[in-house]
Protein backbone atom coordinates (compact mmCIF):
# COMPACT_ATOMS: atom_id res chain seq x y z
CA MET A 1 17.17 -9.87 42.27
CA SER A 2 20.62 -8.40 41.73
CA HIS A 3 21.87 -5.70 44.07
CA PRO A 4 23.48 -2.57 42.65
CA ILE A 5 27.22 -2.17 43.20
CA MET A 6 27.71 0.19 46.13
CA PHE A 7 31.46 0.71 46.07
CA ASP A 8 34.11 2.26 43.87
CA GLU A 9 36.63 -0.32 42.68
CA ALA A 10 39.31 2.41 42.64
CA ASP A 11 38.73 3.45 46.28
CA ALA A 12 42.13 3.60 48.00
CA ALA A 13 40.55 2.64 51.34
CA LEU A 14 39.14 -0.53 49.77
CA ARG A 15 42.59 -1.30 48.36
CA ARG A 16 44.08 -1.03 51.89
CA ILE A 17 41.34 -3.23 53.35
CA ARG A 18 41.97 -5.82 50.65
CA GLU A 19 45.69 -5.84 51.50
CA ILE A 20 44.90 -6.43 55.17
CA ALA A 21 42.10 -8.97 54.76
CA LEU A 22 43.48 -11.03 51.90
CA ALA A 23 46.83 -11.46 53.67
CA LEU A 24 45.06 -13.63 56.26
CA PRO A 25 45.24 -17.42 55.80
CA GLY A 26 42.47 -18.83 53.62
CA ALA A 27 40.85 -15.42 53.08
CA ALA A 28 38.96 -14.65 49.88
CA GLU A 29 36.69 -11.89 48.62
CA ARG A 30 33.26 -11.87 47.02
CA VAL A 31 30.65 -9.22 46.33
CA SER A 32 27.42 -9.78 48.22
CA HIS A 33 24.47 -7.42 48.36
CA GLY A 34 26.47 -4.94 46.30
CA ARG A 35 29.44 -4.73 48.68
CA PRO A 36 32.79 -6.51 49.03
CA ASN A 37 33.01 -8.99 51.84
CA PHE A 38 35.95 -11.02 53.02
CA PHE A 39 35.57 -14.57 54.26
CA THR A 40 37.09 -17.95 55.00
CA THR A 41 34.19 -20.32 55.67
CA LYS A 42 32.28 -17.36 57.16
CA THR A 43 32.46 -13.64 56.45
CA PHE A 44 34.81 -11.76 58.76
CA CYS A 45 34.68 -8.26 57.22
CA TYR A 46 32.33 -6.24 55.02
CA PHE A 47 33.35 -3.04 53.26
CA GLY A 48 30.55 -0.51 53.65
CA GLY A 49 27.12 -0.79 55.15
CA SER A 50 24.41 1.18 56.86
CA GLU A 51 23.31 1.78 60.40
CA ARG A 52 20.39 -0.12 61.76
CA GLY A 53 17.15 1.79 61.82
CA ASP A 54 13.82 1.92 60.07
CA HIS A 55 15.31 0.63 56.79
CA VAL A 56 16.63 4.13 56.10
CA GLY A 57 19.74 3.97 58.27
CA ALA A 58 22.65 6.21 57.40
CA ARG A 59 24.92 4.74 54.75
CA HIS A 60 28.61 4.37 55.48
CA ASP A 61 30.27 3.63 52.16
CA ARG A 62 33.81 3.83 53.53
CA ALA A 63 33.53 1.65 56.62
CA ILE A 64 34.15 -1.86 57.80
CA LEU A 65 31.69 -4.14 59.53
CA VAL A 66 33.38 -6.62 61.86
CA ARG A 67 32.69 -9.11 64.66
CA PRO A 68 34.82 -7.80 67.52
CA ASP A 69 36.59 -9.94 70.07
CA PRO A 70 33.98 -10.56 72.82
CA VAL A 71 36.41 -9.16 75.41
CA ASP A 72 36.73 -5.87 73.47
CA GLU A 73 33.10 -5.56 72.37
CA PRO A 74 31.75 -3.72 75.46
CA ALA A 75 34.43 -1.02 75.19
CA LEU A 76 33.90 -0.63 71.44
CA ARG A 77 30.17 -0.19 71.99
CA GLN A 78 30.98 2.74 74.31
CA ASP A 79 33.14 4.39 71.63
CA PRO A 80 31.00 6.88 69.65
CA ARG A 81 32.85 6.05 66.42
CA PHE A 82 31.25 2.59 66.35
CA TRP A 83 27.68 1.92 65.24
CA GLU A 84 25.36 -1.05 64.87
CA PRO A 85 25.03 -2.17 61.25
CA ALA A 86 21.65 -2.99 59.78
CA TYR A 87 20.73 -6.67 59.85
CA LEU A 88 24.04 -7.77 61.41
CA TRP A 89 23.91 -6.09 64.81
CA PRO A 90 21.95 -8.86 66.57
CA ALA A 91 24.88 -11.23 65.88
CA GLY A 92 27.34 -8.83 67.52
CA TRP A 93 28.66 -7.02 64.45
CA LEU A 94 29.82 -3.41 64.68
CA GLY A 95 30.63 -0.83 62.03
CA VAL A 96 33.25 1.90 62.03
CA ASP A 97 34.27 4.38 59.36
CA VAL A 98 37.82 3.95 58.09
CA PRO A 99 40.44 6.58 57.25
CA ALA A 100 41.16 7.71 53.72
CA GLY A 101 43.27 5.25 51.79
CA ASP A 102 46.23 7.63 51.76
CA ALA A 103 46.15 8.19 55.53
CA PRO A 104 49.33 7.31 57.44
CA ASP A 105 49.86 3.68 58.42
CA ALA A 106 49.36 4.59 62.09
CA GLU A 107 45.73 5.49 61.33
CA TRP A 108 45.27 2.10 59.67
CA ALA A 109 46.70 0.09 62.57
CA GLU A 110 43.35 0.00 64.38
CA VAL A 111 41.58 -1.11 61.20
CA ALA A 112 44.06 -3.98 60.84
CA GLU A 113 43.53 -4.95 64.50
CA LEU A 114 39.74 -4.96 64.10
CA ILE A 115 39.91 -7.10 60.96
CA ASP A 116 42.36 -9.48 62.66
CA ALA A 117 40.05 -9.83 65.68
CA SER A 118 37.00 -10.45 63.50
CA TYR A 119 38.93 -13.06 61.52
CA ARG A 120 39.87 -14.83 64.76
CA VAL A 121 36.21 -14.88 65.89
CA THR A 122 34.91 -16.31 62.61
CA ALA A 123 37.68 -18.37 60.97
CA PRO A 124 38.21 -22.09 61.51
CA LYS A 125 40.66 -22.88 64.33
CA LYS A 126 43.12 -24.39 61.86
CA LEU A 127 43.43 -21.06 60.02
CA VAL A 128 43.77 -19.11 63.27
CA ARG A 129 46.61 -21.46 64.29
CA GLU A 130 48.24 -20.82 60.91
CA LEU A 131 47.98 -17.07 61.51
CA ASP A 132 49.55 -17.45 64.95
CA LEU A 133 52.38 -19.53 63.49
CA ARG A 134 53.06 -16.80 60.93
CA ALA A 135 53.22 -14.22 63.72
CA THR A 136 55.80 -16.23 65.64
CA GLY A 137 57.84 -16.92 62.50
CA THR A 138 57.45 -20.67 62.83
CA GLY A 139 54.89 -21.14 60.10
């Protein structure tokens, strides 16, 4: 059974998320269950989702679902902006709404940090090393 598309290809927020996610080593995009997701060997970011609950959880069409760094996860769970996404929450995933695509870069800095952390939790060690080498200018 095919899932309906649940995103707008022209969404400026999705364009920003693509820029962030696809700049990471080995990252690619596919549509799964009607939503874009970004992956290496495993998914590290979904665009859009819904809160867990009796199969009628609130939809968040302009949000990211990520696996936070285990050190940061307890603090993020205390932040009221974050919510547990349907189906993914038992594996430690969290959701957060993102700013409008035309919001200032400063508002997107946290989004980039969350995507980076999720990538580091899910990507193969070789790709994480490549990312670190890029950051130090030696790669």
